[in-house]
Amino acid sequence: QVQLGESGGGSVQAGGSLRLSCAASGRTLSRYTMAWFRQAPGEEREFVAASSWTGGITLYGDFAKGRFTISRDNAANTVYLQMNSLKPEDTAVYYCAADLQWRTMPVTYSSAYVYWGQGTQVTVSS
């Protein structure tokens, strides 16, 4: 069993930055893909970013490219999402997720991710 816990959400003004953290317990995640998704009210869950187990391969949703950065500290069993130049449309609950199947490349579809955190709210005001 894996437990994921996000932190770092909050309220910021447009143009600001936040750094989300996702700490894992119950199993080392050093060999698994980790990802961030988000869900705004009334919207479907949306892929944000993913990192291969080494961190050497990263994928981003189009809206995240150039503004968000996913990173991981396998020794600390923690994944991060640095979000810069935030926009009001980034307002959502952000979730981290773990894909326990070994893959050569991260995937962007949520059904591949077995474990999910409880989410952290990010609110960006204009």
Protein backbone atom coordinates (compact mmCIF):
# COMPACT_ATOMS: atom_id res chain seq x y z
CA GLN A 1 0.00 0.00 0.00
CA VAL A 2 1.19 3.47 -0.85
CA GLN A 3 0.09 6.68 0.79
CA LEU A 4 0.62 9.97 -1.01
CA GLY A 5 0.26 13.33 0.68
CA GLU A 6 0.35 16.66 -1.12
CA SER A 7 1.21 19.99 0.45
CA GLY A 8 2.12 23.48 -0.64
CA GLY A 9 -1.14 24.64 -2.12
CA GLY A 10 -2.62 28.00 -1.31
CA SER A 11 -3.84 31.28 -2.71
CA VAL A 12 -1.66 33.51 -4.85
CA GLN A 13 -2.10 36.38 -7.23
CA ALA A 14 -1.65 35.97 -10.94
CA GLY A 15 2.03 35.91 -11.84
CA GLY A 16 2.98 34.34 -8.54
CA SER A 17 4.58 30.99 -7.79
CA LEU A 18 3.88 27.95 -5.68
CA ARG A 19 5.81 24.77 -5.02
CA LEU A 20 3.77 21.66 -4.40
CA SER A 21 5.23 18.64 -2.64
CA CYS A 22 4.06 15.05 -2.62
CA ALA A 23 5.48 12.79 0.05
CA ALA A 24 5.07 9.05 -0.28
CA SER A 25 5.03 6.43 2.42
CA GLY A 26 4.49 2.71 2.52
CA ARG A 27 6.71 1.91 -0.42
CA THR A 28 9.71 3.46 -2.08
CA LEU A 29 8.73 5.15 -5.30
CA SER A 30 12.21 5.45 -6.67
CA ARG A 31 11.49 3.10 -9.56
CA TYR A 32 8.08 4.37 -10.58
CA THR A 33 6.65 7.15 -12.64
CA MET A 34 5.14 9.96 -10.64
CA ALA A 35 2.74 12.52 -11.99
CA TRP A 36 0.65 15.54 -11.15
CA PHE A 37 -2.92 16.00 -12.30
CA ARG A 38 -5.40 18.75 -11.57
CA GLN A 39 -9.14 19.13 -11.50
CA ALA A 40 -11.10 22.36 -11.58
CA PRO A 41 -14.76 22.52 -10.50
CA GLY A 42 -17.00 21.04 -13.15
CA GLU A 43 -14.04 19.89 -15.22
CA GLU A 44 -12.43 16.53 -15.85
CA ARG A 45 -9.13 15.61 -14.25
CA GLU A 46 -6.29 16.97 -16.39
CA PHE A 47 -2.70 15.81 -16.81
CA VAL A 48 -0.14 18.35 -15.62
CA ALA A 49 3.27 16.69 -15.58
CA ALA A 50 5.01 13.35 -15.11
CA SER A 51 8.51 12.20 -14.28
CA SER A 52 10.18 8.88 -15.04
CA TRP A 53 11.72 7.11 -12.09
CA THR A 54 15.15 8.62 -12.73
CA GLY A 55 13.72 12.03 -13.40
CA GLY A 56 15.45 11.93 -16.74
CA ILE A 57 12.23 11.91 -18.76
CA THR A 58 9.54 14.45 -18.05
CA LEU A 59 6.27 15.19 -19.80
CA TYR A 60 4.07 18.25 -19.48
CA GLY A 61 0.61 19.28 -20.48
CA ASP A 62 0.69 22.03 -23.09
CA PHE A 63 -0.46 24.64 -20.59
CA ALA A 64 2.35 23.69 -18.21
CA LYS A 65 5.27 23.87 -20.61
CA GLY A 66 7.65 26.68 -19.76
CA ARG A 67 5.87 27.50 -16.49
CA PHE A 68 5.79 24.30 -14.42
CA THR A 69 8.65 22.00 -13.50
CA ILE A 70 8.33 18.51 -12.04
CA SER A 71 11.21 17.13 -10.04
CA ARG A 72 11.79 14.33 -7.58
CA ASP A 73 14.01 13.42 -4.69
CA ASN A 74 14.00 9.65 -4.59
CA ALA A 75 16.02 9.53 -1.41
CA ALA A 76 13.26 11.52 0.27
CA ASN A 77 10.46 9.68 -1.57
CA THR A 78 9.11 13.05 -2.60
CA VAL A 79 7.98 14.64 -5.84
CA TYR A 80 7.67 18.36 -6.43
CA LEU A 81 5.83 20.63 -8.81
CA GLN A 82 7.22 24.13 -9.15
CA MET A 83 4.62 26.42 -10.66
CA ASN A 84 5.60 29.86 -11.91
CA SER A 85 3.72 32.61 -13.72
CA LEU A 86 0.46 31.30 -12.36
CA LYS A 87 -2.78 32.28 -14.06
CA PRO A 88 -6.36 32.30 -12.76
CA GLU A 89 -7.10 29.35 -15.05
CA ASP A 90 -4.58 27.31 -13.04
CA THR A 91 -7.02 27.31 -10.15
CA ALA A 92 -7.79 23.68 -9.32
CA VAL A 93 -7.18 20.88 -6.89
CA TYR A 94 -3.79 19.36 -7.67
CA TYR A 95 -3.20 15.66 -7.14
CA CYS A 96 -0.06 13.59 -7.23
CA ALA A 97 -0.23 10.03 -8.45
CA ALA A 98 1.98 6.97 -8.72
CA ASP A 99 2.18 4.54 -11.65
CA LEU A 100 3.55 1.30 -10.23
CA GLN A 101 4.01 -0.39 -13.59
CA TRP A 102 7.49 -0.12 -14.93
CA ARG A 103 7.50 1.78 -18.23
CA THR A 104 10.13 3.20 -20.51
CA MET A 105 8.15 6.41 -20.82
CA PRO A 106 5.69 8.17 -18.50
CA VAL A 107 2.08 8.16 -19.63
CA THR A 108 -0.45 10.96 -19.44
CA TYR A 109 -3.71 9.07 -18.90
CA SER A 110 -5.00 8.98 -15.34
CA SER A 111 -6.14 5.35 -15.46
CA ALA A 112 -2.51 4.22 -15.47
CA TYR A 113 -1.92 5.73 -12.04
CA VAL A 114 -2.87 3.44 -9.20
CA TYR A 115 -2.29 5.55 -6.12
CA TRP A 116 -3.50 9.08 -5.58
CA GLY A 117 -3.11 11.70 -2.91
CA GLN A 118 -5.99 13.62 -1.39
CA GLY A 119 -5.18 16.76 -3.36
CA THR A 120 -4.17 20.29 -2.48
CA GLN A 121 -6.10 23.40 -3.51
CA VAL A 122 -4.41 26.03 -5.63
CA THR A 123 -6.28 29.29 -6.11
CA VAL A 124 -4.95 32.04 -8.37
CA SER A 125 -6.63 35.42 -8.27
CA SER A 126 -6.44 38.06 -10.96
